[in-house]
């Protein structure tokens, strides 16, 4: 698939209860999860909202001139900040896709040279107990766009990508300055695809 650099299928009815693999297609690496209890499920990987997530020790997409983050999620509950995906430099977030602090709004942000560029939905997006298809993407010509179930929920005219190095990437959480995963997603994640291309 054009531009696909990372693929994590977390749902598999035949392999339910088995450790999951993720494919970093950019460097050819297959990452086997060895964390006890971190297994595939019939409907995906359940994250408990308390320091739970998937950490990848490398920058994945936010420095690309064009990129797309695509995931299937089923949010559960919580009136706190919950990250769907983030990239962090020394505990400071440089890229984010997260639930708003107190509502079900979604925020997509890119950090470039001391400036945040954000696209945030005007209303609630996440629906408790419902599978949703979430897409955050950047185009070098048309800017930032955030979609939920194929409908646009937020845009920003910014066309600048991130410009950080030595970044940790986290799925379903963010990397805290204390050195661990924090502000975890509370719900189920079924599949994550990261592209270094703008996908329709």
Protein backbone atom coordinates (compact mmCIF):
# COMPACT_ATOMS: atom_id res chain seq x y z
CA UNK A 1 0.00 0.00 0.00
CA UNK A 2 1.43 3.36 -1.02
CA UNK A 3 3.14 5.11 1.91
CA UNK A 4 2.30 2.54 4.60
CA UNK A 5 5.12 2.62 7.19
CA UNK A 6 3.54 1.00 10.27
CA UNK A 7 0.74 -1.50 10.67
CA UNK A 8 -0.62 -2.90 13.95
CA UNK A 9 -3.61 -5.24 13.56
CA UNK A 10 -4.89 -5.65 17.10
CA UNK A 11 -8.03 -7.60 16.28
CA UNK A 12 -7.96 -11.22 15.17
CA UNK A 13 -10.69 -13.72 16.03
CA UNK A 14 -8.41 -16.72 15.40
CA UNK A 15 -5.50 -15.36 17.44
CA UNK A 16 -7.49 -13.92 20.34
CA UNK A 17 -5.36 -14.09 23.49
CA UNK A 18 -2.09 -14.32 21.55
CA UNK A 19 0.68 -11.67 21.60
CA UNK A 20 0.37 -9.25 18.71
CA UNK A 21 2.96 -8.19 16.15
CA UNK A 22 3.36 -4.76 14.64
CA UNK A 23 5.18 -4.10 11.38
CA UNK A 24 7.51 -1.11 11.00
CA UNK A 25 7.62 -1.26 7.25
CA UNK A 26 10.02 1.69 6.97
CA UNK A 27 12.92 -0.27 8.50
CA UNK A 28 11.65 -3.78 7.84
CA UNK A 29 11.28 -4.57 11.53
CA UNK A 30 8.66 -6.82 13.05
CA UNK A 31 7.92 -5.84 16.64
CA UNK A 32 6.62 -8.66 18.81
CA UNK A 33 4.86 -7.49 21.95
CA UNK A 34 6.13 -9.39 25.00
CA UNK A 35 4.20 -7.54 27.72
CA UNK A 36 2.17 -9.95 29.85
CA UNK A 37 -1.51 -9.50 29.17
CA UNK A 38 -0.97 -7.38 26.05
CA UNK A 39 -2.73 -9.69 23.63
CA UNK A 40 -4.94 -9.55 20.62
CA UNK A 41 -8.66 -9.83 21.13
CA UNK A 42 -11.61 -10.86 19.05
CA UNK A 43 -12.45 -7.19 18.73
CA UNK A 44 -9.08 -5.58 19.48
CA UNK A 45 -6.69 -4.50 22.21
CA UNK A 46 -8.38 -3.21 25.37
CA UNK A 47 -6.63 -0.25 27.02
CA UNK A 48 -7.57 0.44 30.63
CA UNK A 49 -6.98 4.20 30.71
CA UNK A 50 -4.33 3.89 33.46
CA UNK A 51 -0.80 3.93 32.03
CA UNK A 52 -1.70 1.40 29.34
CA UNK A 53 -0.50 1.75 25.75
CA UNK A 54 2.00 0.68 23.09
CA UNK A 55 5.42 2.40 23.07
CA UNK A 56 7.62 2.53 19.97
CA UNK A 57 11.15 3.91 20.38
CA UNK A 58 11.31 5.77 17.09
CA UNK A 59 9.76 8.65 15.21
CA UNK A 60 7.17 7.41 12.78
CA UNK A 61 5.31 9.97 10.73
CA UNK A 62 4.96 13.54 11.98
CA UNK A 63 8.14 14.81 10.27
CA UNK A 64 6.85 13.70 6.86
CA UNK A 65 5.66 16.42 4.49
CA UNK A 66 2.52 14.34 3.98
CA UNK A 67 1.18 11.76 6.42
CA UNK A 68 -1.94 9.92 7.53
CA UNK A 69 -2.81 8.25 10.83
CA UNK A 70 -5.76 5.88 10.58
CA UNK A 71 -7.28 3.85 13.41
CA UNK A 72 -10.40 2.02 14.51
CA UNK A 73 -11.34 2.70 18.12
CA UNK A 74 -14.17 2.05 20.55
CA UNK A 75 -14.03 4.57 23.38
CA UNK A 76 -15.36 3.52 26.76
CA UNK A 77 -15.52 6.33 29.31
CA UNK A 78 -13.65 9.10 31.14
CA UNK A 79 -13.66 12.88 31.63
CA UNK A 80 -9.87 13.15 31.39
CA UNK A 81 -7.32 13.67 28.61
CA UNK A 82 -6.88 10.43 26.66
CA UNK A 83 -4.34 10.02 23.85
CA UNK A 84 -5.05 7.95 20.76
CA UNK A 85 -1.53 8.56 19.40
CA UNK A 86 1.41 10.82 20.28
CA UNK A 87 5.06 11.49 19.53
CA UNK A 88 7.20 12.91 22.33
CA UNK A 89 10.66 14.42 22.73
CA UNK A 90 12.14 14.12 26.24
CA UNK A 91 8.72 14.09 27.86
CA UNK A 92 7.42 17.05 25.83
CA UNK A 93 4.72 16.23 23.28
CA UNK A 94 5.58 17.14 19.68
CA UNK A 95 2.61 15.55 17.95
CA UNK A 96 -0.76 14.50 19.29
CA UNK A 97 -4.12 13.01 18.53
CA UNK A 98 -6.21 12.95 21.68
CA UNK A 99 -9.55 13.30 23.36
CA UNK A 100 -10.21 16.69 24.95
CA UNK A 101 -9.68 17.09 28.71
CA UNK A 102 -13.34 17.08 29.72
CA UNK A 103 -15.42 16.35 26.60
CA UNK A 104 -15.53 13.91 23.70
CA UNK A 105 -13.99 16.43 21.30
CA UNK A 106 -10.88 15.36 19.36
CA UNK A 107 -7.68 17.40 19.01
CA UNK A 108 -5.01 16.87 16.32
CA UNK A 109 -1.81 18.88 16.87
CA UNK A 110 1.58 19.33 15.18
CA UNK A 111 4.55 21.06 16.82
CA UNK A 112 7.04 22.91 14.60
CA UNK A 113 9.75 25.29 15.87
CA UNK A 114 8.08 26.34 19.12
CA UNK A 115 4.61 26.69 17.56
CA UNK A 116 1.60 24.40 17.91
CA UNK A 117 -0.78 24.00 14.97
CA UNK A 118 -4.09 22.48 16.05
CA UNK A 119 -7.24 21.15 14.44
CA UNK A 120 -9.96 20.55 17.03
CA UNK A 121 -13.53 19.40 16.53
CA UNK A 122 -16.16 21.93 17.55
CA UNK A 123 -18.34 19.29 19.17
CA UNK A 124 -18.20 15.81 20.67
CA UNK A 125 -16.85 13.12 18.35
CA UNK A 126 -16.20 10.02 20.44
CA UNK A 127 -19.28 7.96 21.27
CA UNK A 128 -19.10 5.50 24.17
CA UNK A 129 -19.31 1.84 23.18
CA UNK A 130 -19.30 2.55 19.43
CA UNK A 131 -16.64 1.55 16.88
CA UNK A 132 -15.37 4.63 15.04
CA UNK A 133 -12.91 5.20 12.23
CA UNK A 134 -10.59 8.13 13.07
CA UNK A 135 -8.18 9.73 10.58
CA UNK A 136 -5.68 12.56 11.14
CA UNK A 137 -3.66 13.68 8.14
CA UNK A 138 -1.38 16.39 6.81
CA UNK A 139 -1.05 17.54 3.21
CA UNK A 140 1.83 19.76 2.09
CA UNK A 141 -0.64 21.62 -0.12
CA UNK A 142 -4.00 21.59 1.68
CA UNK A 143 -3.05 21.43 5.36
CA UNK A 144 -4.36 19.43 8.33
CA UNK A 145 -7.61 17.50 8.44
CA UNK A 146 -9.32 15.37 11.07
CA UNK A 147 -12.07 12.93 10.14
CA UNK A 148 -14.42 10.64 12.05
CA UNK A 149 -16.32 7.94 10.16
CA UNK A 150 -15.34 9.58 6.85
CA UNK A 151 -16.80 12.97 7.84
CA UNK A 152 -14.57 16.02 8.33
CA UNK A 153 -14.69 17.28 11.94
CA UNK A 154 -11.76 19.77 11.94
CA UNK A 155 -9.20 21.42 9.66
CA UNK A 156 -6.22 23.77 9.89
CA UNK A 157 -4.52 25.53 6.97
CA UNK A 158 -1.04 24.74 8.35
CA UNK A 159 1.10 22.74 5.90
CA UNK A 160 4.24 22.46 8.07
CA UNK A 161 5.13 19.01 9.42
CA UNK A 162 6.80 18.38 12.75
CA UNK A 163 10.55 18.99 12.91
CA UNK A 164 11.73 17.12 16.00
CA UNK A 165 14.26 14.30 16.34
CA UNK A 166 14.79 11.35 18.72
CA UNK A 167 11.11 10.98 19.41
CA UNK A 168 9.22 8.20 21.20
CA UNK A 169 5.91 7.23 19.62
CA UNK A 170 2.98 5.98 21.69
CA UNK A 171 -0.27 4.35 20.62
CA UNK A 172 -3.14 4.79 23.05
CA UNK A 173 -1.11 6.96 25.45
CA UNK A 174 1.59 9.63 25.72
CA UNK A 175 5.15 9.38 27.07
CA UNK A 176 5.42 11.43 30.27
CA UNK A 177 8.38 13.41 31.57
CA UNK A 178 8.48 10.96 34.49
CA UNK A 179 9.47 8.22 32.06
CA UNK A 180 6.33 6.17 31.50
CA UNK A 181 3.06 5.99 29.60
CA UNK A 182 0.34 8.35 30.80
CA UNK A 183 -3.09 9.75 29.87
CA UNK A 184 -4.07 6.46 28.28
CA UNK A 185 -7.04 5.78 26.08
CA UNK A 186 -9.91 4.03 27.87
CA UNK A 187 -11.46 1.64 25.40
CA UNK A 188 -10.57 -0.76 22.59
CA UNK A 189 -8.26 -0.23 19.61
CA UNK A 190 -8.79 -2.51 16.65
CA UNK A 191 -6.24 -1.48 14.05
CA UNK A 192 -3.66 1.27 13.49
CA UNK A 193 -2.12 2.25 10.18
CA UNK A 194 0.49 5.00 9.76
CA UNK A 195 1.43 6.36 6.32
CA UNK A 196 4.07 8.83 5.15
CA UNK A 197 1.59 9.92 2.51
CA UNK A 198 -1.70 11.82 2.43
CA UNK A 199 -4.46 9.24 2.02
CA UNK A 200 -7.99 9.92 0.78
